[in-house]
PDB file of N, CA and C in Angstrom:
ATOM      1  N   MET A   1      94.161  93.742 132.613  1.00  0.00           N
ATOM      2  CA  MET A   1      93.174  92.393 133.168  1.00  0.00           C
ATOM      3  C   MET A   1      93.846  91.538 133.376  1.00  0.00           C
ATOM      4  N   LEU A   2      94.163  90.304 133.853  1.00  0.00           N
ATOM      5  CA  LEU A   2      95.280  89.323 134.219  1.00  0.00           C
ATOM      6  C   LEU A   2      94.931  87.844 132.820  1.00  0.00           C
ATOM      7  N   ILE A   3      96.323  87.288 132.650  1.00  0.00           N
ATOM      8  CA  ILE A   3      96.035  86.598 131.703  1.00  0.00           C
ATOM      9  C   ILE A   3      95.819  85.045 132.070  1.00  0.00           C
ATOM     10  N   ASN A   4      95.352  84.911 133.373  1.00  0.00           N
ATOM     11  CA  ASN A   4      94.591  83.854 133.583  1.00  0.00           C
ATOM     12  C   ASN A   4      93.511  84.248 133.709  1.00  0.00           C
ATOM     13  N   GLU A   5      92.662  85.748 134.503  1.00  0.00           N
ATOM     14  CA  GLU A   5      91.158  85.906 133.891  1.00  0.00           C
ATOM     15  C   GLU A   5      90.416  85.839 132.110  1.00  0.00           C
ATOM     16  N   ILE A   6      91.786  86.248 131.369  1.00  0.00           N
ATOM     17  CA  ILE A   6      91.423  85.922 130.084  1.00  0.00           C
ATOM     18  C   ILE A   6      90.879  84.905 129.702  1.00  0.00           C
ATOM     19  N   THR A   7      92.380  83.237 129.903  1.00  0.00           N
ATOM     20  CA  THR A   7      92.414  82.142 129.136  1.00  0.00           C
ATOM     21  C   THR A   7      91.305  81.533 130.046  1.00  0.00           C
ATOM     22  N   GLU A   8      90.664  81.213 131.287  1.00  0.00           N
ATOM     23  CA  GLU A   8      89.691  81.149 132.235  1.00  0.00           C
ATOM     24  C   GLU A   8      88.033  81.136 131.329  1.00  0.00           C
ATOM     25  N   LYS A   9      88.151  82.974 130.433  1.00  0.00           N
ATOM     26  CA  LYS A   9      87.068  83.200 129.865  1.00  0.00           C
ATOM     27  C   LYS A   9      87.004  81.926 128.854  1.00  0.00           C
ATOM     28  N   VAL A  10      88.139  82.859 127.872  1.00  0.00           N
ATOM     29  CA  VAL A  10      88.222  82.255 126.535  1.00  0.00           C
ATOM     30  C   VAL A  10      87.687  80.751 126.566  1.00  0.00           C
ATOM     31  N   ILE A  11      88.116  79.791 127.897  1.00  0.00           N
ATOM     32  CA  ILE A  11      87.800  78.309 127.923  1.00  0.00           C
ATOM     33  C   ILE A  11      86.858  78.134 128.632  1.00  0.00           C
ATOM     34  N   GLY A  12      86.221  78.953 129.058  1.00  0.00           N
ATOM     35  CA  GLY A  12      84.589  79.144 129.537  1.00  0.00           C
ATOM     36  C   GLY A  12      83.282  78.911 128.455  1.00  0.00           C
ATOM     37  N   PHE A  13      84.031  80.224 127.535  1.00  0.00           N
ATOM     38  CA  PHE A  13      83.016  80.452 126.624  1.00  0.00           C
ATOM     39  C   PHE A  13      83.287  79.137 125.680  1.00  0.00           C
ATOM     40  N   SER A  14      84.704  79.800 125.731  1.00  0.00           N
ATOM     41  CA  SER A  14      84.647  77.402 123.930  1.00  0.00           C
ATOM     42  C   SER A  14      83.353  76.684 124.822  1.00  0.00           C
ATOM     43  N   ILE A  15      83.244  76.062 125.780  1.00  0.00           N
ATOM     44  CA  ILE A  15      83.264  75.196 125.960  1.00  0.00           C
ATOM     45  C   ILE A  15      80.956  75.423 126.329  1.00  0.00           C
ATOM     46  N   ASP A  16      80.692  76.444 126.656  1.00  0.00           N
ATOM     47  CA  ASP A  16      79.539  77.159 126.218  1.00  0.00           C
ATOM     48  C   ASP A  16      78.939  76.387 125.001  1.00  0.00           C
ATOM     49  N   ILE A  17      80.074  77.444 123.854  1.00  0.00           N
ATOM     50  CA  ILE A  17      79.086  77.203 122.269  1.00  0.00           C
ATOM     51  C   ILE A  17      79.535  75.435 121.653  1.00  0.00           C
ATOM     52  N   HIS A  18      81.014  75.250 123.146  1.00  0.00           N
ATOM     53  CA  HIS A  18      80.770  73.508 122.482  1.00  0.00           C
ATOM     54  C   HIS A  18      79.557  72.089 122.877  1.00  0.00           C
ATOM     55  N   ARG A  19      78.531  72.495 124.336  1.00  0.00           N
ATOM     56  CA  ARG A  19      77.949  72.653 124.336  1.00  0.00           C
ATOM     57  C   ARG A  19      76.638  72.288 123.812  1.00  0.00           C
ATOM     58  N   SER A  20      76.563  74.099 122.938  1.00  0.00           N
ATOM     59  CA  SER A  20      75.176  73.968 122.381  1.00  0.00           C
ATOM     60  C   SER A  20      75.358  73.302 121.480  1.00  0.00           C
ATOM     61  N   LEU A  21      75.915  74.419 120.302  1.00  0.00           N
ATOM     62  CA  LEU A  21      76.287  73.422 119.426  1.00  0.00           C
ATOM     63  C   LEU A  21      77.292  71.738 118.635  1.00  0.00           C
ATOM     64  N   GLY A  22      77.702  71.452 119.802  1.00  0.00           N
ATOM     65  CA  GLY A  22      78.487  69.766 119.960  1.00  0.00           C
ATOM     66  C   GLY A  22      79.552  69.850 118.511  1.00  0.00           C
ATOM     67  N   PRO A  23      80.570  68.793 118.949  1.00  0.00           N
ATOM     68  CA  PRO A  23      81.496  68.763 118.214  1.00  0.00           C
ATOM     69  C   PRO A  23      80.894  68.909 115.423  1.00  0.00           C
ATOM     70  N   GLY A  24      82.410  68.886 115.033  1.00  0.00           N
ATOM     71  CA  GLY A  24      81.763  68.357 113.270  1.00  0.00           C
ATOM     72  C   GLY A  24      80.854  69.750 112.807  1.00  0.00           C
ATOM     73  N   LEU A  25      81.031  70.849 113.428  1.00  0.00           N
ATOM     74  CA  LEU A  25      81.148  72.267 112.574  1.00  0.00           C
ATOM     75  C   LEU A  25      82.220  72.384 112.146  1.00  0.00           C
ATOM     76  N   LEU A  26      83.307  73.467 111.014  1.00  0.00           N
ATOM     77  CA  LEU A  26      83.865  73.970 110.430  1.00  0.00           C
ATOM     78  C   LEU A  26      84.112  75.232 111.561  1.00  0.00           C
ATOM     79  N   GLU A  27      85.828  74.957 112.378  1.00  0.00           N
ATOM     80  CA  GLU A  27      86.758  76.185 112.300  1.00  0.00           C
ATOM     81  C   GLU A  27      86.084  77.170 112.827  1.00  0.00           C
ATOM     82  N   SER A  28      85.931  78.183 111.433  1.00  0.00           N
ATOM     83  CA  SER A  28      85.258  79.398 111.132  1.00  0.00           C
ATOM     84  C   SER A  28      83.382  79.654 112.011  1.00  0.00           C
ATOM     85  N   ALA A  29      82.641  78.584 111.872  1.00  0.00           N
ATOM     86  CA  ALA A  29      81.514  78.303 112.314  1.00  0.00           C
ATOM     87  C   ALA A  29      81.543  79.258 114.618  1.00  0.00           C
ATOM     88  N   TYR A  30      82.733  78.149 114.951  1.00  0.00           N
ATOM     89  CA  TYR A  30      83.354  78.118 115.933  1.00  0.00           C
ATOM     90  C   TYR A  30      83.750  79.766 116.701  1.00  0.00           C
ATOM     91  N   GLU A  31      84.912  79.744 115.543  1.00  0.00           N
ATOM     92  CA  GLU A  31      85.862  81.511 115.518  1.00  0.00           C
ATOM     93  C   GLU A  31      84.887  81.767 115.910  1.00  0.00           C
ATOM     94  N   GLU A  32      83.832  82.175 114.819  1.00  0.00           N
ATOM     95  CA  GLU A  32      82.951  83.643 115.086  1.00  0.00           C
ATOM     96  C   GLU A  32      81.562  83.354 116.402  1.00  0.00           C
ATOM     97  N   CYS A  33      81.697  82.321 116.490  1.00  0.00           N
ATOM     98  CA  CYS A  33      80.622  82.302 118.486  1.00  0.00           C
ATOM     99  C   CYS A  33      81.686  82.173 118.896  1.00  0.00           C
ATOM    100  N   LEU A  34      82.622  82.099 119.475  1.00  0.00           N
ATOM    101  CA  LEU A  34      84.260  82.630 120.294  1.00  0.00           C
ATOM    102  C   LEU A  34      83.987  84.603 120.041  1.00  0.00           C
ATOM    103  N   THR A  35      83.810  84.998 118.594  1.00  0.00           N
ATOM    104  CA  THR A  35      84.113  85.941 118.683  1.00  0.00           C
ATOM    105  C   THR A  35      83.495  87.168 119.315  1.00  0.00           C
ATOM    106  N   TYR A  36      82.039  86.421 118.569  1.00  0.00           N
ATOM    107  CA  TYR A  36      80.469  87.037 119.250  1.00  0.00           C
ATOM    108  C   TYR A  36      80.425  87.234 120.992  1.00  0.00           C
ATOM    109  N   GLU A  37      80.802  86.456 122.182  1.00  0.00           N
ATOM    110  CA  GLU A  37      81.292  86.099 122.656  1.00  0.00           C
ATOM    111  C   GLU A  37      82.214  86.603 123.782  1.00  0.00           C
ATOM    112  N   LEU A  38      83.376  87.106 123.077  1.00  0.00           N
ATOM    113  CA  LEU A  38      84.387  87.907 123.641  1.00  0.00           C
ATOM    114  C   LEU A  38      84.228  89.070 123.657  1.00  0.00           C
ATOM    115  N   LYS A  39      83.139  89.919 122.270  1.00  0.00           N
ATOM    116  CA  LYS A  39      83.091  91.144 122.374  1.00  0.00           C
ATOM    117  C   LYS A  39      81.905  91.406 123.513  1.00  0.00           C
ATOM    118  N   ASN A  40      81.091  90.481 123.291  1.00  0.00           N
ATOM    119  CA  ASN A  40      79.576  90.719 123.966  1.00  0.00           C
ATOM    120  C   ASN A  40      80.279  91.435 126.091  1.00  0.00           C
ATOM    121  N   ALA A  41      81.556  90.537 126.131  1.00  0.00           N
ATOM    122  CA  ALA A  41      81.462  89.922 127.394  1.00  0.00           C
ATOM    123  C   ALA A  41      82.662  91.823 127.291  1.00  0.00           C
ATOM    124  N   GLY A  42      83.315  92.602 126.992  1.00  0.00           N
ATOM    125  CA  GLY A  42      83.634  93.479 126.695  1.00  0.00           C
ATOM    126  C   GLY A  42      85.414  93.421 126.073  1.00  0.00           C
ATOM    127  N   PHE A  43      85.606  92.269 125.865  1.00  0.00           N
ATOM    128  CA  PHE A  43      86.555  92.145 125.164  1.00  0.00           C
ATOM    129  C   PHE A  43      87.134  92.666 124.466  1.00  0.00           C
ATOM    130  N   LYS A  44      88.479  93.163 123.397  1.00  0.00           N
ATOM    131  CA  LYS A  44      89.346  93.282 122.838  1.00  0.00           C
ATOM    132  C   LYS A  44      90.174  91.945 121.909  1.00  0.00           C
ATOM    133  N   ILE A  45      88.960  91.745 120.981  1.00  0.00           N
ATOM    134  CA  ILE A  45      89.676  90.611 119.757  1.00  0.00           C
ATOM    135  C   ILE A  45      89.621  91.226 118.476  1.00  0.00           C
ATOM    136  N   GLU A  46      91.258  90.602 117.665  1.00  0.00           N
ATOM    137  CA  GLU A  46      91.720  90.825 116.431  1.00  0.00           C
ATOM    138  C   GLU A  46      91.359  88.946 116.197  1.00  0.00           C
ATOM    139  N   ARG A  47      90.249  88.667 114.952  1.00  0.00           N
ATOM    140  CA  ARG A  47      90.344  87.767 114.348  1.00  0.00           C
ATOM    141  C   ARG A  47      91.040  87.238 113.658  1.00  0.00           C
ATOM    142  N   GLN A  48      91.639  87.278 113.057  1.00  0.00           N
ATOM    143  CA  GLN A  48      92.519  86.262 111.677  1.00  0.00           C
ATOM    144  C   GLN A  48      93.168  87.591 110.976  1.00  0.00           C
ATOM    145  N   LYS A  49      94.014  87.404 112.933  1.00  0.00           N
ATOM    146  CA  LYS A  49      95.084  88.360 112.981  1.00  0.00           C
ATOM    147  C   LYS A  49      96.047  89.039 111.693  1.00  0.00           C
ATOM    148  N   PRO A  50      96.599  89.366 110.809  1.00  0.00           N
ATOM    149  CA  PRO A  50      97.755  88.860 110.198  1.00  0.00           C
ATOM    150  C   PRO A  50      99.049  89.974 110.577  1.00  0.00           C
ATOM    151  N   MET A  51      99.751  88.551 110.536  1.00  0.00           N
ATOM    152  CA  MET A  51     100.652  89.001 111.169  1.00  0.00           C
ATOM    153  C   MET A  51     101.960  89.308 110.727  1.00  0.00           C
ATOM    154  N   PRO A  52     103.299  90.513 110.320  1.00  0.00           N
ATOM    155  CA  PRO A  52     104.489  90.258 109.501  1.00  0.00           C
ATOM    156  C   PRO A  52     105.328  89.066 110.036  1.00  0.00           C
ATOM    157  N   LEU A  53     106.331  88.720 109.068  1.00  0.00           N
ATOM    158  CA  LEU A  53     107.357  88.424 108.415  1.00  0.00           C
ATOM    159  C   LEU A  53     108.506  88.447 108.131  1.00  0.00           C
ATOM    160  N   LEU A  54     109.494  88.583 109.273  1.00  0.00           N
ATOM    161  CA  LEU A  54     110.294  88.994 109.158  1.00  0.00           C
ATOM    162  C   LEU A  54     111.278  88.035 108.269  1.00  0.00           C
ATOM    163  N   TYR A  55     112.483  87.360 107.639  1.00  0.00           N
ATOM    164  CA  TYR A  55     113.430  86.274 107.526  1.00  0.00           C
ATOM    165  C   TYR A  55     114.547  86.820 106.052  1.00  0.00           C
ATOM    166  N   LYS A  56     115.560  87.081 106.999  1.00  0.00           N
ATOM    167  CA  LYS A  56     117.301  87.228 106.186  1.00  0.00           C
ATOM    168  C   LYS A  56     116.644  89.167 106.058  1.00  0.00           C
ATOM    169  N   ASP A  57     116.678  88.801 104.796  1.00  0.00           N
ATOM    170  CA  ASP A  57     116.236  90.848 104.363  1.00  0.00           C
ATOM    171  C   ASP A  57     114.622  90.341 103.710  1.00  0.00           C
ATOM    172  N   ILE A  58     114.160  89.527 104.160  1.00  0.00           N
ATOM    173  CA  ILE A  58     112.887  89.266 103.203  1.00  0.00           C
ATOM    174  C   ILE A  58     111.748  89.739 103.921  1.00  0.00           C
ATOM    175  N   LYS A  59     110.368  90.978 104.039  1.00  0.00           N
ATOM    176  CA  LYS A  59     110.186  91.118 105.062  1.00  0.00           C
ATOM    177  C   LYS A  59     108.772  90.344 104.602  1.00  0.00           C
ATOM    178  N   MET A  60     107.625  90.222 104.926  1.00  0.00           N
ATOM    179  CA  MET A  60     105.991  89.775 104.338  1.00  0.00           C
ATOM    180  C   MET A  60     104.903  90.716 105.021  1.00  0.00           C
ATOM    181  N   ASP A  61     104.865  91.623 104.882  1.00  0.00           N
ATOM    182  CA  ASP A  61     103.480  91.885 105.853  1.00  0.00           C
ATOM    183  C   ASP A  61     102.663  90.772 105.453  1.00  0.00           C
ATOM    184  N   PHE A  62     102.044  89.361 105.999  1.00  0.00           N
ATOM    185  CA  PHE A  62     101.357  89.172 105.947  1.00  0.00           C
ATOM    186  C   PHE A  62     102.149  86.858 105.901  1.00  0.00           C
ATOM    187  N   GLY A  63     103.012  87.298 106.350  1.00  0.00           N
ATOM    188  CA  GLY A  63     103.490  86.150 106.459  1.00  0.00           C
ATOM    189  C   GLY A  63     103.018  84.354 107.559  1.00  0.00           C
ATOM    190  N   TYR A  64     101.635  85.170 108.337  1.00  0.00           N
ATOM    191  CA  TYR A  64     100.725  84.288 109.068  1.00  0.00           C
ATOM    192  C   TYR A  64      99.851  85.029 109.826  1.00  0.00           C
ATOM    193  N   ARG A  65      98.663  84.527 109.957  1.00  0.00           N
ATOM    194  CA  ARG A  65      97.830  84.945 110.359  1.00  0.00           C
ATOM    195  C   ARG A  65      96.915  83.832 111.922  1.00  0.00           C
ATOM    196  N   ILE A  66      96.958  85.004 112.809  1.00  0.00           N
ATOM    197  CA  ILE A  66      96.372  84.978 113.959  1.00  0.00           C
ATOM    198  C   ILE A  66      95.053  84.042 115.140  1.00  0.00           C
ATOM    199  N   ASP A  67      94.504  82.908 114.229  1.00  0.00           N
ATOM    200  CA  ASP A  67      92.645  82.933 114.683  1.00  0.00           C
ATOM    201  C   ASP A  67      92.555  84.098 114.974  1.00  0.00           C
ATOM    202  N   LEU A  68      92.903  84.033 116.880  1.00  0.00           N
ATOM    203  CA  LEU A  68      92.205  85.544 117.332  1.00  0.00           C
ATOM    204  C   LEU A  68      92.507  85.826 118.608  1.00  0.00           C
ATOM    205  N   LEU A  69      93.316  87.204 117.970  1.00  0.00           N
ATOM    206  CA  LEU A  69      94.206  87.782 119.765  1.00  0.00           C
ATOM    207  C   LEU A  69      93.661  88.459 120.940  1.00  0.00           C
ATOM    208  N   VAL A  70      93.522  88.042 121.629  1.00  0.00           N
ATOM    209  CA  VAL A  70      93.024  88.549 122.740  1.00  0.00           C
ATOM    210  C   VAL A  70      93.514  89.724 123.337  1.00  0.00           C
ATOM    211  N   GLU A  71      92.788  90.854 124.038  1.00  0.00           N
ATOM    212  CA  GLU A  71      93.973  91.611 124.400  1.00  0.00           C
ATOM    213  C   GLU A  71      95.332  91.718 124.109  1.00  0.00           C
ATOM    214  N   ASN A  72      96.397  91.270 123.472  1.00  0.00           N
ATOM    215  CA  ASN A  72      96.689  91.562 123.234  1.00  0.00           C
ATOM    216  C   ASN A  72      97.875  91.377 123.610  1.00  0.00           C
ATOM    217  N   GLN A  73      96.968  90.287 124.448  1.00  0.00           N
ATOM    218  CA  GLN A  73      97.761  89.014 125.709  1.00  0.00           C
ATOM    219  C   GLN A  73      97.464  87.508 125.147  1.00  0.00           C
ATOM    220  N   VAL A  74      97.455  86.675 124.536  1.00  0.00           N
ATOM    221  CA  VAL A  74      96.201  85.414 124.266  1.00  0.00           C
ATOM    222  C   VAL A  74      95.833  85.001 123.177  1.00  0.00           C
ATOM    223  N   ILE A  75      97.175  84.584 122.162  1.00  0.00           N
ATOM    224  CA  ILE A  75      97.046  84.108 121.073  1.00  0.00           C
ATOM    225  C   ILE A  75      95.735  82.555 121.071  1.00  0.00           C
ATOM    226  N   VAL A  76      94.496  82.472 120.711  1.00  0.00           N
ATOM    227  CA  VAL A  76      93.905  81.032 119.766  1.00  0.00           C
ATOM    228  C   VAL A  76      93.858  81.339 119.314  1.00  0.00           C
ATOM    229  N   GLU A  77      94.002  79.901 118.988  1.00  0.00           N
ATOM    230  CA  GLU A  77      93.984  78.875 117.372  1.00  0.00           C
ATOM    231  C   GLU A  77      93.242  77.948 117.875  1.00  0.00           C
ATOM    232  N   LEU A  78      91.803  78.042 117.375  1.00  0.00           N
ATOM    233  CA  LEU A  78      91.074  76.687 116.743  1.00  0.00           C
ATOM    234  C   LEU A  78      90.735  75.933 115.743  1.00  0.00           C
ATOM    235  N   LYS A  79      90.520  74.558 116.169  1.00  0.00           N
ATOM    236  CA  LYS A  79      90.963  73.307 115.051  1.00  0.00           C
ATOM    237  C   LYS A  79      89.542  73.133 115.070  1.00  0.00           C
ATOM    238  N   THR A  80      89.532  71.987 114.718  1.00  0.00           N
ATOM    239  CA  THR A  80      88.165  71.180 114.345  1.00  0.00           C
ATOM    240  C   THR A  80      89.124  69.685 113.582  1.00  0.00           C
ATOM    241  N   VAL A  81      89.562  69.197 114.253  1.00  0.00           N
ATOM    242  CA  VAL A  81      90.065  67.709 113.637  1.00  0.00           C
ATOM    243  C   VAL A  81      90.293  65.986 114.733  1.00  0.00           C
ATOM    244  N   GLU A  82      90.884  64.971 114.395  1.00  0.00           N
ATOM    245  CA  GLU A  82      90.085  64.418 115.198  1.00  0.00           C
ATOM    246  C   GLU A  82      91.281  64.237 116.858  1.00  0.00           C
ATOM    247  N   SER A  83      92.604  64.587 116.266  1.00  0.00           N
ATOM    248  CA  SER A  83      93.635  65.575 117.343  1.00  0.00           C
ATOM    249  C   SER A  83      94.419  66.150 117.263  1.00  0.00           C
ATOM    250  N   PHE A  84      94.854  66.442 118.504  1.00  0.00           N
ATOM    251  CA  PHE A  84      95.956  67.383 118.689  1.00  0.00           C
ATOM    252  C   PHE A  84      97.302  66.328 117.532  1.00  0.00           C
ATOM    253  N   SER A  85      97.955  67.099 116.316  1.00  0.00           N
ATOM    254  CA  SER A  85      99.306  66.595 116.273  1.00  0.00           C
ATOM    255  C   SER A  85     100.886  67.112 116.658  1.00  0.00           C
ATOM    256  N   LYS A  86     101.558  66.925 116.968  1.00  0.00           N
ATOM    257  CA  LYS A  86     102.847  67.615 116.938  1.00  0.00           C
ATOM    258  C   LYS A  86     103.076  69.187 116.569  1.00  0.00           C
ATOM    259  N   VAL A  87     102.666  69.474 115.524  1.00  0.00           N
ATOM    260  CA  VAL A  87     102.778  70.224 113.877  1.00  0.00           C
ATOM    261  C   VAL A  87     101.950  71.345 115.001  1.00  0.00           C
ATOM    262  N   HIS A  88     100.391  70.423 115.124  1.00  0.00           N
ATOM    263  CA  HIS A  88      99.415  71.663 115.911  1.00  0.00           C
ATOM    264  C   HIS A  88     100.125  72.606 117.303  1.00  0.00           C
ATOM    265  N   GLU A  89     100.769  71.965 118.054  1.00  0.00           N
ATOM    266  CA  GLU A  89     101.251  72.223 118.996  1.00  0.00           C
ATOM    267  C   GLU A  89     103.114  73.390 118.411  1.00  0.00           C
ATOM    268  N   ALA A  90     103.395  72.697 117.280  1.00  0.00           N
ATOM    269  CA  ALA A  90     104.330  73.594 117.067  1.00  0.00           C
ATOM    270  C   ALA A  90     103.777  74.742 116.097  1.00  0.00           C
ATOM    271  N   GLN A  91     102.917  75.047 116.321  1.00  0.00           N
ATOM    272  CA  GLN A  91     102.348  76.151 114.706  1.00  0.00           C
ATOM    273  C   GLN A  91     101.685  77.479 115.806  1.00  0.00           C
ATOM    274  N   ILE A  92     100.888  77.102 117.173  1.00  0.00           N
ATOM    275  CA  ILE A  92     101.183  77.352 118.258  1.00  0.00           C
ATOM    276  C   ILE A  92     102.165  78.347 119.214  1.00  0.00           C
ATOM    277  N   LEU A  93     102.935  77.925 119.302  1.00  0.00           N
ATOM    278  CA  LEU A  93     104.893  77.775 120.262  1.00  0.00           C
ATOM    279  C   LEU A  93     105.046  78.769 119.348  1.00  0.00           C
ATOM    280  N   THR A  94     104.957  78.631 118.133  1.00  0.00           N
ATOM    281  CA  THR A  94     105.747  79.361 116.778  1.00  0.00           C
ATOM    282  C   THR A  94     104.863  80.850 116.204  1.00  0.00           C
ATOM    283  N   TYR A  95     104.094  81.121 117.052  1.00  0.00           N
ATOM    284  CA  TYR A  95     103.231  81.807 116.521  1.00  0.00           C
ATOM    285  C   TYR A  95     103.227  82.706 117.246  1.00  0.00           C
ATOM    286  N   MET A  96     103.691  82.085 118.675  1.00  0.00           N
ATOM    287  CA  MET A  96     103.672  83.584 120.185  1.00  0.00           C
ATOM    288  C   MET A  96     104.923  83.498 120.382  1.00  0.00           C
ATOM    289  N   LYS A  97     106.178  82.449 120.224  1.00  0.00           N
ATOM    290  CA  LYS A  97     107.645  83.208 119.474  1.00  0.00           C
ATOM    291  C   LYS A  97     107.951  84.779 118.885  1.00  0.00           C
ATOM    292  N   LEU A  98     107.155  84.435 117.298  1.00  0.00           N
ATOM    293  CA  LEU A  98     107.172  85.426 116.814  1.00  0.00           C
ATOM    294  C   LEU A  98     106.335  86.765 116.802  1.00  0.00           C
ATOM    295  N   SER A  99     105.575  86.813 118.057  1.00  0.00           N
ATOM    296  CA  SER A  99     104.207  87.237 118.076  1.00  0.00           C
ATOM    297  C   SER A  99     105.036  88.172 119.264  1.00  0.00           C
ATOM    298  N   LYS A 100     105.682  87.294 119.928  1.00  0.00           N
ATOM    299  CA  LYS A 100     106.089  87.554 121.622  1.00  0.00           C
ATOM    300  C   LYS A 100     104.693  87.245 122.199  1.00  0.00           C
ATOM    301  N   VAL A 101     103.841  87.116 122.348  1.00  0.00           N
ATOM    302  CA  VAL A 101     103.118  86.808 122.688  1.00  0.00           C
ATOM    303  C   VAL A 101     102.932  85.567 123.962  1.00  0.00           C
ATOM    304  N   SER A 102     103.468  85.729 125.116  1.00  0.00           N
ATOM    305  CA  SER A 102     103.710  84.878 126.323  1.00  0.00           C
ATOM    306  C   SER A 102     102.332  83.253 125.640  1.00  0.00           C
ATOM    307  N   THR A 103     101.010  83.760 125.906  1.00  0.00           N
ATOM    308  CA  THR A 103     100.431  82.771 126.544  1.00  0.00           C
ATOM    309  C   THR A 103      99.236  82.202 125.210  1.00  0.00           C
ATOM    310  N   GLY A 104      99.102  81.153 124.795  1.00  0.00           N
ATOM    311  CA  GLY A 104      98.419  80.375 124.305  1.00  0.00           C
ATOM    312  C   GLY A 104      97.898  79.560 124.657  1.00  0.00           C
ATOM    313  N   LEU A 105      96.657  79.613 123.975  1.00  0.00           N
ATOM    314  CA  LEU A 105      95.298  78.417 124.315  1.00  0.00           C
ATOM    315  C   LEU A 105      95.030  77.701 121.932  1.00  0.00           C
ATOM    316  N   LEU A 106      95.386  76.390 122.411  1.00  0.00           N
ATOM    317  CA  LEU A 106      94.710  75.406 122.347  1.00  0.00           C
ATOM    318  C   LEU A 106      93.978  74.757 121.783  1.00  0.00           C
ATOM    319  N   ILE A 107      92.670  75.278 120.292  1.00  0.00           N
ATOM    320  CA  ILE A 107      91.115  74.354 121.352  1.00  0.00           C
ATOM    321  C   ILE A 107      90.839  73.781 119.537  1.00  0.00           C
ATOM    322  N   ASN A 108      90.882  71.898 119.797  1.00  0.00           N
ATOM    323  CA  ASN A 108      89.754  71.502 119.321  1.00  0.00           C
ATOM    324  C   ASN A 108      89.119  71.333 119.431  1.00  0.00           C
ATOM    325  N   PHE A 109      87.545  72.015 118.506  1.00  0.00           N
ATOM    326  CA  PHE A 109      86.155  72.104 119.098  1.00  0.00           C
ATOM    327  C   PHE A 109      85.817  70.762 118.684  1.00  0.00           C
ATOM    328  N   ASN A 110      86.133  69.114 117.810  1.00  0.00           N
ATOM    329  CA  ASN A 110      86.177  68.232 117.442  1.00  0.00           C
ATOM    330  C   ASN A 110      86.176  66.880 118.333  1.00  0.00           C
ATOM    331  N   SER A 111      85.738  67.403 119.335  1.00  0.00           N
ATOM    332  CA  SER A 111      86.169  66.752 121.152  1.00  0.00           C
ATOM    333  C   SER A 111      85.140  66.828 120.933  1.00  0.00           C
ATOM    334  N   VAL A 112      85.010  65.302 121.743  1.00  0.00           N
ATOM    335  CA  VAL A 112      83.566  64.661 122.438  1.00  0.00           C
ATOM    336  C   VAL A 112      83.228  65.064 124.091  1.00  0.00           C
ATOM    337  N   ILE A 113      84.791  65.457 124.450  1.00  0.00           N
ATOM    338  CA  ILE A 113      84.109  66.306 125.788  1.00  0.00           C
ATOM    339  C   ILE A 113      85.242  68.103 125.491  1.00  0.00           C
ATOM    340  N   LEU A 114      84.910  68.638 125.388  1.00  0.00           N
ATOM    341  CA  LEU A 114      86.225  69.624 125.070  1.00  0.00           C
ATOM    342  C   LEU A 114      86.857  69.675 126.034  1.00  0.00           C
ATOM    343  N   LYS A 115      87.070  69.517 127.323  1.00  0.00           N
ATOM    344  CA  LYS A 115      87.833  69.869 128.044  1.00  0.00           C
ATOM    345  C   LYS A 115      89.147  69.113 128.022  1.00  0.00           C
ATOM    346  N   ASN A 116      89.332  68.219 127.565  1.00  0.00           N
ATOM    347  CA  ASN A 116      89.801  67.666 127.206  1.00  0.00           C
ATOM    348  C   ASN A 116      90.826  67.601 125.652  1.00  0.00           C
ATOM    349  N   GLY A 117      90.644  68.967 124.797  1.00  0.00           N
ATOM    350  CA  GLY A 117      90.310  69.115 123.113  1.00  0.00           C
ATOM    351  C   GLY A 117      91.199  70.697 124.084  1.00  0.00           C
ATOM    352  N   ILE A 118      91.887  70.848 124.809  1.00  0.00           N
ATOM    353  CA  ILE A 118      92.508  72.409 125.433  1.00  0.00           C
ATOM    354  C   ILE A 118      94.093  72.438 126.069  1.00  0.00           C
ATOM    355  N   ARG A 119      94.118  72.600 125.074  1.00  0.00           N
ATOM    356  CA  ARG A 119      96.194  72.876 126.098  1.00  0.00           C
ATOM    357  C   ARG A 119      96.854  74.438 125.633  1.00  0.00           C
ATOM    358  N   ARG A 120      96.893  74.595 126.857  1.00  0.00           N
ATOM    359  CA  ARG A 120      97.174  76.502 127.026  1.00  0.00           C
ATOM    360  C   ARG A 120      99.077  76.524 127.934  1.00  0.00           C
ATOM    361  N   PHE A 121      99.447  77.033 126.775  1.00  0.00           N
ATOM    362  CA  PHE A 121     101.049  77.523 126.531  1.00  0.00           C
ATOM    363  C   PHE A 121     101.342  78.286 127.222  1.00  0.00           C
ATOM    364  N   ARG A 122     102.898  78.811 127.846  1.00  0.00           N
ATOM    365  CA  ARG A 122     102.952  80.311 127.894  1.00  0.00           C
ATOM    366  C   ARG A 122     104.514  78.869 128.021  1.00  0.00           C
ATOM    367  N   PHE A 123     105.438  81.185 127.964  1.00  0.00           N
ATOM    368  CA  PHE A 123     106.408  80.789 127.915  1.00  0.00           C
ATOM    369  C   PHE A 123     107.174  82.417 128.827  1.00  0.00           C
TER     370      PHE A 123
END
């Protein structure tokens, strides 16, 4: 499946969930709903995927966790914050770099209009 098809589906399901539930819930609630929708659509999903981290001679089995990894091609980081900060953007870019996944979506379910709370990253 093409990257654009995956990101379109993730965004579409996210908008549907947001329209149904609205803002104000915990991140984990939106994560559960998005996982449900993506799995029902036949996507391969890894949720709260622990990722190894290597720094010099130190190897950590669980250096960080990716909220959702879709089809091993798209990292989805979910937030429920007032607005994105530079740290949120740096977080997803770091996750993409370390995991060698070239596409990421940062989605803030605490937005009044969800499309204003979505950022797509690619390198």
